[in-house]
């Protein structure tokens, strides 16, 4: 079962793999398929 991510803007629920994109510098980009909200450079525990 895939973890679910909830958009902080419109509260749309989507599977993790559909809304998060990993970058080579260990940061992550979130993009909501419903409201098109984009949050860039989300720091992870590795970066």
PDB file of N, CA and C in Angstrom:
ATOM      1  N   UNK A   1       0.837  -1.188   0.000  1.00  0.00           N
ATOM      2  CA  UNK A   1       0.000   0.000   0.000  1.00  0.00           C
ATOM      3  C   UNK A   1       0.881   1.251   0.000  1.00  0.00           C
ATOM      4  N   UNK A   2       0.630   2.153  -0.936  1.00  0.00           N
ATOM      5  CA  UNK A   2       1.420   3.361  -1.094  1.00  0.00           C
ATOM      6  C   UNK A   2       0.991   4.418  -0.072  1.00  0.00           C
ATOM      7  N   UNK A   3       1.967   5.105   0.566  1.00  0.00           N
ATOM      8  CA  UNK A   3       1.611   6.197   1.476  1.00  0.00           C
ATOM      9  C   UNK A   3       0.876   7.317   0.730  1.00  0.00           C
ATOM     10  N   UNK A   4      -0.012   8.006   1.438  1.00  0.00           N
ATOM     11  CA  UNK A   4      -0.813   9.077   0.850  1.00  0.00           C
ATOM     12  C   UNK A   4      -0.313  10.433   1.341  1.00  0.00           C
ATOM     13  N   UNK A   5      -0.251  11.403   0.420  1.00  0.00           N
ATOM     14  CA  UNK A   5       0.142  12.773   0.741  1.00  0.00           C
ATOM     15  C   UNK A   5      -1.090  13.653   0.606  1.00  0.00           C
ATOM     16  N   UNK A   6      -1.270  14.574   1.562  1.00  0.00           N
ATOM     17  CA  UNK A   6      -2.398  15.508   1.523  1.00  0.00           C
ATOM     18  C   UNK A   6      -1.878  16.893   1.201  1.00  0.00           C
ATOM     19  N   UNK A   7      -2.437  17.529   0.185  1.00  0.00           N
ATOM     20  CA  UNK A   7      -2.032  18.875  -0.228  1.00  0.00           C
ATOM     21  C   UNK A   7      -2.364  19.873   0.894  1.00  0.00           C
ATOM     22  N   UNK A   8      -1.400  20.717   1.282  1.00  0.00           N
ATOM     23  CA  UNK A   8      -1.667  21.686   2.353  1.00  0.00           C
ATOM     24  C   UNK A   8      -2.584  22.829   1.908  1.00  0.00           C
ATOM     25  N   UNK A   9      -2.811  22.970   0.608  1.00  0.00           N
ATOM     26  CA  UNK A   9      -3.640  24.052   0.077  1.00  0.00           C
ATOM     27  C   UNK A   9      -5.100  23.624  -0.113  1.00  0.00           C
ATOM     28  N   UNK A  10      -5.316  22.535  -0.855  1.00  0.00           N
ATOM     29  CA  UNK A  10      -6.684  22.124  -1.189  1.00  0.00           C
ATOM     30  C   UNK A  10      -7.108  20.830  -0.493  1.00  0.00           C
ATOM     31  N   UNK A  11      -6.180  20.189   0.235  1.00  0.00           N
ATOM     32  CA  UNK A  11      -6.428  18.961   0.998  1.00  0.00           C
ATOM     33  C   UNK A  11      -6.760  17.749   0.131  1.00  0.00           C
ATOM     34  N   UNK A  12      -6.396  17.809  -1.153  1.00  0.00           N
ATOM     35  CA  UNK A  12      -6.557  16.668  -2.056  1.00  0.00           C
ATOM     36  C   UNK A  12      -5.568  15.579  -1.644  1.00  0.00           C
ATOM     37  N   UNK A  13      -6.013  14.326  -1.644  1.00  0.00           N
ATOM     38  CA  UNK A  13      -5.156  13.194  -1.292  1.00  0.00           C
ATOM     39  C   UNK A  13      -4.670  12.505  -2.560  1.00  0.00           C
ATOM     40  N   UNK A  14      -3.389  12.170  -2.561  1.00  0.00           N
ATOM     41  CA  UNK A  14      -2.787  11.528  -3.724  1.00  0.00           C
ATOM     42  C   UNK A  14      -1.680  10.601  -3.239  1.00  0.00           C
ATOM     43  N   UNK A  15      -1.407   9.538  -3.998  1.00  0.00           N
ATOM     44  CA  UNK A  15      -0.317   8.635  -3.647  1.00  0.00           C
ATOM     45  C   UNK A  15       1.020   9.367  -3.706  1.00  0.00           C
ATOM     46  N   UNK A  16       1.898   9.018  -2.803  1.00  0.00           N
ATOM     47  CA  UNK A  16       3.210   9.636  -2.680  1.00  0.00           C
ATOM     48  C   UNK A  16       3.948   9.717  -4.011  1.00  0.00           C
ATOM     49  N   UNK A  17       3.976   8.625  -4.746  1.00  0.00           N
ATOM     50  CA  UNK A  17       4.742   8.583  -6.002  1.00  0.00           C
ATOM     51  C   UNK A  17       4.176   9.505  -7.083  1.00  0.00           C
ATOM     52  N   UNK A  18       2.928   9.946  -6.942  1.00  0.00           N
ATOM     53  CA  UNK A  18       2.313  10.808  -7.949  1.00  0.00           C
ATOM     54  C   UNK A  18       2.541  12.292  -7.708  1.00  0.00           C
ATOM     55  N   UNK A  19       2.980  12.682  -6.511  1.00  0.00           N
ATOM     56  CA  UNK A  19       3.103  14.114  -6.200  1.00  0.00           C
ATOM     57  C   UNK A  19       4.497  14.553  -5.778  1.00  0.00           C
ATOM     58  N   UNK A  20       5.381  13.633  -5.467  1.00  0.00           N
ATOM     59  CA  UNK A  20       6.729  14.007  -5.051  1.00  0.00           C
ATOM     60  C   UNK A  20       7.746  13.587  -6.097  1.00  0.00           C
ATOM     61  N   UNK A  21       8.682  14.500  -6.373  1.00  0.00           N
ATOM     62  CA  UNK A  21       9.762  14.230  -7.318  1.00  0.00           C
ATOM     63  C   UNK A  21      11.082  14.458  -6.604  1.00  0.00           C
ATOM     64  N   UNK A  22      11.955  13.467  -6.603  1.00  0.00           N
ATOM     65  CA  UNK A  22      13.264  13.599  -5.970  1.00  0.00           C
ATOM     66  C   UNK A  22      14.233  14.277  -6.931  1.00  0.00           C
ATOM     67  N   UNK A  23      15.031  15.196  -6.389  1.00  0.00           N
ATOM     68  CA  UNK A  23      16.066  15.855  -7.173  1.00  0.00           C
ATOM     69  C   UNK A  23      17.421  15.250  -6.830  1.00  0.00           C
ATOM     70  N   UNK A  24      18.397  15.444  -7.689  1.00  0.00           N
ATOM     71  CA  UNK A  24      19.717  14.853  -7.472  1.00  0.00           C
ATOM     72  C   UNK A  24      20.432  15.446  -6.256  1.00  0.00           C
ATOM     73  N   UNK A  25      20.034  16.640  -5.813  1.00  0.00           N
ATOM     74  CA  UNK A  25      20.682  17.261  -4.650  1.00  0.00           C
ATOM     75  C   UNK A  25      19.995  16.878  -3.334  1.00  0.00           C
ATOM     76  N   UNK A  26      19.211  15.808  -3.342  1.00  0.00           N
ATOM     77  CA  UNK A  26      18.518  15.253  -2.177  1.00  0.00           C
ATOM     78  C   UNK A  26      17.298  16.060  -1.746  1.00  0.00           C
ATOM     79  N   UNK A  27      16.957  17.142  -2.473  1.00  0.00           N
ATOM     80  CA  UNK A  27      15.732  17.878  -2.179  1.00  0.00           C
ATOM     81  C   UNK A  27      14.568  17.234  -2.911  1.00  0.00           C
ATOM     82  N   UNK A  28      13.348  17.644  -2.556  1.00  0.00           N
ATOM     83  CA  UNK A  28      12.142  17.055  -3.123  1.00  0.00           C
ATOM     84  C   UNK A  28      11.211  18.174  -3.603  1.00  0.00           C
ATOM     85  N   UNK A  29      10.485  17.920  -4.703  1.00  0.00           N
ATOM     86  CA  UNK A  29       9.477  18.850  -5.204  1.00  0.00           C
ATOM     87  C   UNK A  29       8.110  18.204  -5.037  1.00  0.00           C
ATOM     88  N   UNK A  30       7.172  18.958  -4.454  1.00  0.00           N
ATOM     89  CA  UNK A  30       5.786  18.517  -4.315  1.00  0.00           C
ATOM     90  C   UNK A  30       4.952  19.272  -5.346  1.00  0.00           C
ATOM     91  N   UNK A  31       4.097  18.557  -6.094  1.00  0.00           N
ATOM     92  CA  UNK A  31       3.169  19.207  -7.020  1.00  0.00           C
ATOM     93  C   UNK A  31       1.807  18.539  -6.915  1.00  0.00           C
ATOM     94  N   UNK A  32       0.800  19.333  -6.525  1.00  0.00           N
ATOM     95  CA  UNK A  32      -0.563  18.833  -6.398  1.00  0.00           C
ATOM     96  C   UNK A  32      -1.200  18.737  -7.781  1.00  0.00           C
ATOM     97  N   UNK A  33      -1.756  17.587  -8.086  1.00  0.00           N
ATOM     98  CA  UNK A  33      -2.418  17.375  -9.377  1.00  0.00           C
ATOM     99  C   UNK A  33      -3.767  18.087  -9.444  1.00  0.00           C
ATOM    100  N   UNK A  34      -4.333  18.427  -8.294  1.00  0.00           N
ATOM    101  CA  UNK A  34      -5.666  19.034  -8.234  1.00  0.00           C
ATOM    102  C   UNK A  34      -5.605  20.563  -8.369  1.00  0.00           C
ATOM    103  N   UNK A  35      -4.838  21.230  -7.498  1.00  0.00           N
ATOM    104  CA  UNK A  35      -4.809  22.701  -7.488  1.00  0.00           C
ATOM    105  C   UNK A  35      -3.527  23.271  -8.083  1.00  0.00           C
ATOM    106  N   UNK A  36      -2.592  22.415  -8.497  1.00  0.00           N
ATOM    107  CA  UNK A  36      -1.334  22.810  -9.137  1.00  0.00           C
ATOM    108  C   UNK A  36      -0.347  23.496  -8.202  1.00  0.00           C
ATOM    109  N   UNK A  37      -0.557  23.410  -6.892  1.00  0.00           N
ATOM    110  CA  UNK A  37       0.394  23.961  -5.934  1.00  0.00           C
ATOM    111  C   UNK A  37       1.741  23.273  -6.117  1.00  0.00           C
ATOM    112  N   UNK A  38       2.822  24.063  -6.132  1.00  0.00           N
ATOM    113  CA  UNK A  38       4.165  23.519  -6.240  1.00  0.00           C
ATOM    114  C   UNK A  38       4.987  24.026  -5.059  1.00  0.00           C
ATOM    115  N   UNK A  39       5.618  23.107  -4.357  1.00  0.00           N
ATOM    116  CA  UNK A  39       6.530  23.456  -3.275  1.00  0.00           C
ATOM    117  C   UNK A  39       7.877  22.841  -3.631  1.00  0.00           C
ATOM    118  N   UNK A  40       8.897  23.695  -3.790  1.00  0.00           N
ATOM    119  CA  UNK A  40      10.215  23.232  -4.224  1.00  0.00           C
ATOM    120  C   UNK A  40      11.205  23.222  -3.065  1.00  0.00           C
ATOM    121  N   UNK A  41      12.275  22.484  -3.274  1.00  0.00           N
ATOM    122  CA  UNK A  41      13.407  22.429  -2.345  1.00  0.00           C
ATOM    123  C   UNK A  41      13.012  22.001  -0.941  1.00  0.00           C
ATOM    124  N   UNK A  42      12.167  20.983  -0.851  1.00  0.00           N
ATOM    125  CA  UNK A  42      11.815  20.405   0.439  1.00  0.00           C
ATOM    126  C   UNK A  42      13.013  19.600   0.919  1.00  0.00           C
ATOM    127  N   UNK A  43      13.582  19.980   2.024  1.00  0.00           N
ATOM    128  CA  UNK A  43      14.743  19.281   2.545  1.00  0.00           C
ATOM    129  C   UNK A  43      14.360  17.933   3.120  1.00  0.00           C
ATOM    130  N   UNK A  44      15.217  16.960   2.902  1.00  0.00           N
ATOM    131  CA  UNK A  44      14.992  15.621   3.441  1.00  0.00           C
ATOM    132  C   UNK A  44      16.018  15.351   4.542  1.00  0.00           C
ATOM    133  N   UNK A  45      15.907  14.237   5.193  1.00  0.00           N
ATOM    134  CA  UNK A  45      16.853  13.907   6.262  1.00  0.00           C
ATOM    135  C   UNK A  45      18.245  13.663   5.709  1.00  0.00           C
ATOM    136  N   UNK A  46      18.356  13.396   4.390  1.00  0.00           N
ATOM    137  CA  UNK A  46      19.660  13.177   3.789  1.00  0.00           C
ATOM    138  C   UNK A  46      20.273  14.443   3.216  1.00  0.00           C
ATOM    139  N   UNK A  47      19.489  15.526   3.115  1.00  0.00           N
ATOM    140  CA  UNK A  47      20.043  16.724   2.480  1.00  0.00           C
ATOM    141  C   UNK A  47      19.514  17.903   3.075  1.00  0.00           C
TER     142      UNK A  47
END
